[in-house]
């Protein structure tokens, strides 16, 4: 069955870095665009970063541009989110999302990122 398993979250001090991973299985990974979303307490889920199936195209939310980098390794069926210069406002649950069409899209279970001193 389809699985998206995020890892790499945790507690980090402001200014620190984390790398999130999302391991995919059960579908043809390279044919899916991948996204990272996040949801902070009492806020709506927001798109953080996206990458095309082949990895050629990426885009980012303005709030993370220049600090976060999305990448993927299609040989490992994994997408990454490198997060640098973390701020307290980056604290949220981060979700991995795979999309090929409105009928073919999947969510991971989420991983908590907490930025605090």
Protein backbone atom coordinates (compact mmCIF):
# COMPACT_ATOMS: atom_id res chain seq x y z
CA UNK A 1 0.00 0.00 0.00
CA UNK A 2 0.99 3.63 -0.32
CA UNK A 3 3.17 5.00 2.46
CA UNK A 4 4.86 8.32 3.08
CA UNK A 5 7.00 8.26 6.20
CA UNK A 6 8.53 11.49 7.43
CA UNK A 7 11.52 11.63 9.75
CA UNK A 8 14.11 14.09 10.98
CA UNK A 9 11.98 16.40 13.07
CA UNK A 10 12.88 17.45 16.58
CA UNK A 11 13.83 20.29 18.85
CA UNK A 12 16.39 22.80 17.61
CA UNK A 13 17.58 26.21 18.79
CA UNK A 14 16.92 29.34 16.74
CA UNK A 15 19.49 29.63 13.98
CA UNK A 16 19.96 25.88 13.84
CA UNK A 17 19.33 23.39 11.06
CA UNK A 18 17.34 20.23 10.48
CA UNK A 19 16.89 17.94 7.51
CA UNK A 20 13.54 16.27 7.05
CA UNK A 21 13.17 13.12 4.99
CA UNK A 22 10.09 11.53 3.49
CA UNK A 23 10.41 7.94 2.33
CA UNK A 24 7.79 6.86 -0.19
CA UNK A 25 6.56 3.43 -1.18
CA UNK A 26 3.64 1.85 -2.98
CA UNK A 27 3.58 4.14 -6.02
CA UNK A 28 5.83 5.27 -8.86
CA UNK A 29 7.64 7.98 -6.99
CA UNK A 30 9.31 9.71 -9.95
CA UNK A 31 5.96 10.45 -11.60
CA UNK A 32 4.70 12.43 -8.61
CA UNK A 33 5.40 16.01 -7.70
CA UNK A 34 6.27 16.25 -4.03
CA UNK A 35 5.50 18.97 -1.53
CA UNK A 36 6.18 19.83 2.06
CA UNK A 37 3.43 21.49 4.05
CA UNK A 38 3.39 22.63 7.64
CA UNK A 39 0.74 23.36 10.20
CA UNK A 40 1.33 25.36 13.34
CA UNK A 41 -1.09 25.29 16.30
CA UNK A 42 -4.28 27.19 15.56
CA UNK A 43 -3.19 27.94 12.02
CA UNK A 44 -4.10 26.54 8.63
CA UNK A 45 -1.85 24.13 6.84
CA UNK A 46 0.46 26.00 4.46
CA UNK A 47 2.62 25.00 1.52
CA UNK A 48 6.32 25.30 2.30
CA UNK A 49 8.08 23.91 -0.76
CA UNK A 50 7.43 21.85 -3.87
CA UNK A 51 9.49 19.91 -6.39
CA UNK A 52 8.63 18.38 -9.75
CA UNK A 53 8.85 14.67 -10.46
CA UNK A 54 12.25 14.89 -12.07
CA UNK A 55 13.51 17.49 -9.63
CA UNK A 56 14.02 20.17 -12.27
CA UNK A 57 11.57 22.68 -10.84
CA UNK A 58 11.15 23.89 -7.28
CA UNK A 59 9.25 26.63 -5.55
CA UNK A 60 9.05 27.96 -2.04
CA UNK A 61 6.88 29.98 0.26
CA UNK A 62 8.20 33.50 0.69
CA UNK A 63 8.66 32.87 4.40
CA UNK A 64 11.28 30.14 3.81
CA UNK A 65 12.92 31.32 0.58
CA UNK A 66 16.68 31.33 0.95
CA UNK A 67 16.59 29.25 4.14
CA UNK A 68 14.95 25.97 3.09
CA UNK A 69 15.87 23.67 0.20
CA UNK A 70 13.73 20.89 -1.18
CA UNK A 71 15.36 18.02 -3.06
CA UNK A 72 14.61 14.45 -4.05
CA UNK A 73 16.41 11.23 -4.81
CA UNK A 74 14.25 9.16 -7.13
CA UNK A 75 16.56 6.17 -6.80
CA UNK A 76 15.79 6.12 -3.08
CA UNK A 77 12.14 7.20 -3.37
CA UNK A 78 12.84 9.96 -0.91
CA UNK A 79 12.24 13.70 -0.75
CA UNK A 80 14.13 15.99 1.61
CA UNK A 81 13.69 19.39 3.17
CA UNK A 82 16.89 21.02 4.37
CA UNK A 83 15.99 23.75 6.84
CA UNK A 84 18.61 26.29 7.84
CA UNK A 85 18.51 29.45 9.95
CA UNK A 86 15.45 28.17 11.73
CA UNK A 87 13.19 30.59 13.53
CA UNK A 88 10.63 30.05 16.28
CA UNK A 89 7.89 30.76 13.74
CA UNK A 90 8.99 27.68 11.80
CA UNK A 91 7.64 25.55 14.64
CA UNK A 92 4.96 23.28 13.20
CA UNK A 93 4.10 19.77 12.18
CA UNK A 94 5.64 19.19 8.75
CA UNK A 95 3.85 16.97 6.27
CA UNK A 96 5.02 15.31 3.11
CA UNK A 97 2.55 15.25 0.19
CA UNK A 98 2.68 13.42 -3.13
CA UNK A 99 0.54 14.48 -6.06
CA UNK A 100 0.10 13.32 -9.62
CA UNK A 101 -3.52 14.34 -10.07
CA UNK A 102 -6.61 15.18 -8.06
CA UNK A 103 -7.31 11.46 -7.89
CA UNK A 104 -3.77 10.41 -7.05
CA UNK A 105 -2.41 12.21 -4.02
CA UNK A 106 -1.17 11.07 -0.65
CA UNK A 107 -0.20 12.53 2.72
CA UNK A 108 2.34 11.46 5.27
CA UNK A 109 1.63 11.37 8.99
CA UNK A 110 3.74 14.41 9.84
CA UNK A 111 6.82 15.14 11.91
CA UNK A 112 7.09 17.77 14.63
CA UNK A 113 9.64 20.56 14.32
CA UNK A 114 10.10 22.79 17.34
CA UNK A 115 12.41 25.80 17.26
CA UNK A 116 13.03 27.11 20.74
CA UNK A 117 15.82 28.15 23.05
